[in-house]
N, C-alpha and C. Protein backbone atom coordinates (compact mmCIF):
# COMPACT_ATOMS: atom_id res chain seq x y z
N MET A 1 51.97 -23.94 52.76
CA MET A 1 52.99 -24.43 52.41
C MET A 1 53.45 -24.64 54.24
N ALA A 2 53.67 -23.50 54.83
CA ALA A 2 54.18 -23.56 56.14
C ALA A 2 54.33 -24.77 56.99
N LEU A 3 53.16 -25.88 56.69
CA LEU A 3 53.11 -27.09 56.92
C LEU A 3 53.81 -27.96 56.45
N MET A 4 54.20 -27.55 55.29
CA MET A 4 54.67 -28.96 54.94
C MET A 4 55.85 -29.56 55.26
N PRO A 5 56.77 -28.86 56.46
CA PRO A 5 57.58 -29.55 56.79
C PRO A 5 57.49 -30.67 57.61
N ASP A 6 56.41 -30.37 58.42
CA ASP A 6 55.70 -31.15 59.29
C ASP A 6 54.86 -32.22 58.60
N VAL A 7 54.42 -32.28 57.70
CA VAL A 7 53.93 -33.06 56.78
C VAL A 7 54.94 -34.17 56.31
N GLU A 8 56.27 -33.68 55.89
CA GLU A 8 57.30 -34.22 55.18
C GLU A 8 57.59 -35.18 56.59
N LYS A 9 58.13 -34.47 57.71
CA LYS A 9 58.09 -35.54 58.51
C LYS A 9 57.41 -36.53 59.12
N LEU A 10 56.01 -36.00 58.97
CA LEU A 10 55.04 -37.45 59.15
C LEU A 10 54.95 -38.61 58.07
N SER A 11 55.11 -38.11 56.87
CA SER A 11 55.21 -39.11 55.79
C SER A 11 56.47 -39.71 56.05
N ASP A 12 57.35 -39.49 56.33
CA ASP A 12 58.63 -40.34 56.76
C ASP A 12 58.41 -41.15 57.58
N GLU A 13 58.00 -40.77 59.02
CA GLU A 13 57.79 -41.63 60.14
C GLU A 13 56.53 -42.61 59.46
N LYS A 14 55.03 -42.65 58.79
CA LYS A 14 54.53 -43.15 58.17
C LYS A 14 54.02 -43.84 57.15
N SER A 15 55.62 -43.55 56.32
CA SER A 15 55.71 -44.30 55.05
C SER A 15 55.32 -45.88 54.74
N ASP A 16 55.48 -46.82 56.07
CA ASP A 16 55.25 -47.75 55.86
C ASP A 16 53.35 -48.09 55.60
N VAL A 17 52.75 -47.32 56.28
CA VAL A 17 51.14 -47.44 56.32
C VAL A 17 50.58 -46.54 55.50
N ALA A 18 51.22 -45.53 54.99
CA ALA A 18 50.20 -44.11 54.54
C ALA A 18 51.18 -43.53 52.95
N THR A 19 50.37 -43.24 51.89
CA THR A 19 51.29 -42.43 51.23
C THR A 19 50.46 -41.00 51.45
N PHE A 20 51.64 -40.23 50.95
CA PHE A 20 50.89 -38.83 51.45
C PHE A 20 51.04 -37.84 50.22
N TYR A 21 49.98 -37.13 49.65
CA TYR A 21 50.32 -36.47 48.43
C TYR A 21 49.69 -34.82 48.69
N ALA A 22 50.37 -33.79 48.21
CA ALA A 22 50.24 -32.12 48.28
C ALA A 22 49.91 -32.07 47.21
N PHE A 23 48.11 -31.28 47.38
CA PHE A 23 47.80 -31.02 46.28
C PHE A 23 47.53 -28.91 45.91
N ASP A 24 47.65 -28.74 44.67
CA ASP A 24 47.60 -27.29 44.97
C ASP A 24 46.03 -26.90 44.78
N THR A 25 44.87 -26.58 45.85
CA THR A 25 43.71 -26.14 45.28
C THR A 25 43.67 -24.73 44.40
N THR A 26 44.64 -23.87 44.57
CA THR A 26 44.65 -22.87 43.64
C THR A 26 44.49 -22.84 42.21
N GLY A 27 45.24 -24.01 41.65
CA GLY A 27 44.97 -24.20 39.90
C GLY A 27 44.15 -25.37 40.09
N ASN A 28 43.62 -25.86 41.06
CA ASN A 28 42.43 -26.80 40.41
C ASN A 28 41.42 -26.47 41.44
N MET A 29 40.55 -25.82 41.15
CA MET A 29 39.65 -25.32 42.14
C MET A 29 38.35 -26.49 41.78
N ARG A 30 37.95 -27.03 40.58
CA ARG A 30 37.04 -27.75 40.61
C ARG A 30 37.26 -29.22 41.45
N MET A 31 38.53 -29.75 41.23
CA MET A 31 38.70 -30.64 42.14
C MET A 31 38.62 -30.63 43.77
N ALA A 32 39.17 -29.41 44.27
CA ALA A 32 39.09 -28.90 45.64
C ALA A 32 37.37 -28.96 45.95
N MET A 33 36.73 -28.45 44.77
CA MET A 33 35.03 -28.34 45.42
C MET A 33 34.59 -29.43 44.99
N LYS A 34 35.10 -30.80 44.45
CA LYS A 34 34.58 -31.95 44.17
C LYS A 34 35.07 -32.61 45.56
N GLN A 35 35.87 -32.32 45.97
CA GLN A 35 36.22 -33.12 47.37
C GLN A 35 36.00 -32.32 48.60
N LYS A 36 35.00 -31.49 48.42
CA LYS A 36 34.66 -30.53 49.63
C LYS A 36 35.76 -29.84 50.54
N VAL A 37 36.78 -29.70 49.74
CA VAL A 37 37.90 -28.45 50.39
C VAL A 37 37.32 -27.36 50.44
N MET A 38 36.79 -27.22 51.86
CA MET A 38 36.31 -25.44 51.89
C MET A 38 37.27 -24.49 52.64
N GLY A 39 38.07 -24.99 53.24
CA GLY A 39 39.24 -24.51 53.43
C GLY A 39 40.75 -24.95 53.61
N ILE A 40 41.81 -24.18 53.61
CA ILE A 40 43.12 -24.86 53.60
C ILE A 40 43.80 -24.06 55.22
N PRO A 41 44.27 -25.13 55.67
CA PRO A 41 44.80 -26.32 55.37
C PRO A 41 43.62 -27.70 55.40
N ALA A 42 43.77 -28.56 54.82
CA ALA A 42 42.92 -29.72 55.01
C ALA A 42 43.44 -30.92 54.53
N TYR A 43 43.07 -32.17 55.47
CA TYR A 43 43.95 -33.01 55.27
C TYR A 43 42.39 -34.19 55.09
N LEU A 44 42.67 -34.75 53.49
CA LEU A 44 41.62 -36.02 53.26
C LEU A 44 42.36 -37.45 53.52
N PHE A 45 41.53 -38.19 54.01
CA PHE A 45 42.25 -39.50 54.68
C PHE A 45 41.30 -40.58 53.30
N TYR A 46 41.93 -41.43 52.51
CA TYR A 46 41.55 -42.25 51.77
C TYR A 46 41.93 -43.58 51.99
N LYS A 47 41.06 -44.62 51.95
CA LYS A 47 41.28 -45.94 51.80
C LYS A 47 40.65 -46.41 51.30
N ASP A 48 41.27 -47.55 49.97
CA ASP A 48 41.26 -48.20 48.83
C ASP A 48 40.14 -47.38 47.73
N GLY A 49 40.81 -45.91 47.91
CA GLY A 49 40.09 -45.18 46.94
C GLY A 49 38.89 -44.56 47.57
N GLU A 50 38.45 -44.68 48.41
CA GLU A 50 37.62 -43.95 49.17
C GLU A 50 37.86 -42.67 50.40
N LYS A 51 37.09 -41.89 50.12
CA LYS A 51 37.53 -40.88 51.01
C LYS A 51 36.47 -41.17 52.70
N VAL A 52 37.62 -41.57 53.51
CA VAL A 52 37.09 -42.20 55.07
C VAL A 52 37.02 -41.16 56.04
N ALA A 53 37.77 -40.02 55.74
CA ALA A 53 37.84 -38.63 56.94
C ALA A 53 38.50 -37.46 56.00
N SER A 54 38.39 -36.84 57.31
CA SER A 54 38.96 -35.72 56.81
C SER A 54 39.28 -34.68 58.28
N LEU A 55 40.42 -33.68 57.54
CA LEU A 55 40.64 -32.79 59.01
C LEU A 55 40.62 -31.19 58.22
N GLY A 56 39.71 -30.79 58.78
CA GLY A 56 39.63 -28.90 58.41
C GLY A 56 40.49 -28.00 59.41
N LYS A 57 40.46 -27.00 58.26
CA LYS A 57 41.13 -25.82 59.31
C LYS A 57 40.98 -25.77 60.65
N ASP A 58 39.48 -25.86 61.29
CA ASP A 58 39.31 -25.35 62.67
C ASP A 58 39.79 -26.28 63.69
N ILE A 59 40.22 -27.81 63.35
CA ILE A 59 40.73 -28.72 64.35
C ILE A 59 41.93 -28.33 63.95
N LEU A 60 42.69 -28.27 62.81
CA LEU A 60 44.16 -27.98 62.40
C LEU A 60 44.58 -26.76 63.63
N GLU A 61 43.91 -25.88 63.45
CA GLU A 61 44.36 -24.38 64.07
C GLU A 61 44.28 -24.90 65.88
N GLU A 62 43.33 -25.75 65.81
CA GLU A 62 43.35 -26.41 67.78
C GLU A 62 44.13 -27.08 68.06
N LYS A 63 44.34 -28.16 67.11
CA LYS A 63 45.37 -29.55 68.11
C LYS A 63 46.66 -29.67 66.74
N GLY A 64 46.80 -28.85 65.78
CA GLY A 64 47.89 -28.99 64.86
C GLY A 64 48.03 -30.65 64.26
N MET A 65 49.15 -30.86 63.96
CA MET A 65 50.02 -31.94 63.57
C MET A 65 49.37 -33.50 64.49
N ALA A 66 49.43 -32.84 65.73
CA ALA A 66 48.77 -34.33 66.57
C ALA A 66 47.43 -34.76 66.01
N ALA A 67 45.95 -33.53 65.51
CA ALA A 67 45.45 -34.84 65.12
C ALA A 67 45.21 -34.90 63.90
N VAL A 68 46.16 -35.18 63.12
CA VAL A 68 46.59 -35.75 61.96
C VAL A 68 47.47 -37.06 61.98
N THR A 69 47.90 -36.86 63.30
CA THR A 69 48.68 -38.33 63.66
C THR A 69 47.78 -38.83 64.66
N ALA A 70 47.08 -38.54 65.32
CA ALA A 70 45.97 -39.53 65.65
C ALA A 70 44.84 -39.87 64.90
N LYS A 71 44.45 -39.45 63.91
CA LYS A 71 43.55 -39.63 62.88
C LYS A 71 44.07 -40.67 61.95
N LEU A 72 45.34 -40.41 61.54
CA LEU A 72 46.42 -41.48 60.98
C LEU A 72 46.72 -42.86 61.54
N ASP A 73 46.37 -42.74 62.50
CA ASP A 73 46.68 -43.85 63.51
C ASP A 73 45.82 -44.54 63.63
N GLU A 74 44.12 -43.69 64.06
CA GLU A 74 42.90 -44.42 63.97
C GLU A 74 42.89 -44.89 62.84
N LEU A 75 43.00 -44.71 61.49
CA LEU A 75 42.55 -45.55 60.74
C LEU A 75 43.36 -46.52 60.04
N THR A 76 44.48 -46.77 60.51
CA THR A 76 45.65 -47.71 60.22
C THR A 76 45.70 -48.76 61.53
N VAL A 77 44.75 -48.82 62.08
CA VAL A 77 44.74 -49.63 63.51
C VAL A 77 44.12 -51.07 62.79
């Protein structure tokens, strides 16, 4: 939840190329396991209904939202 302000800002900036959704893994453990979410935070990237990339806790702790922005830019070129 601490990252939500950053996510909302990025969502506003990139609304023309991406749609952002928040997912409560606590109440939806089966879905989290199905999507292979092993830690929080995690960002999953989908294109045409297929998962094309993901970023997990390790990279997010190291690079923060810059990693999310870079991956989103890479996928929307």
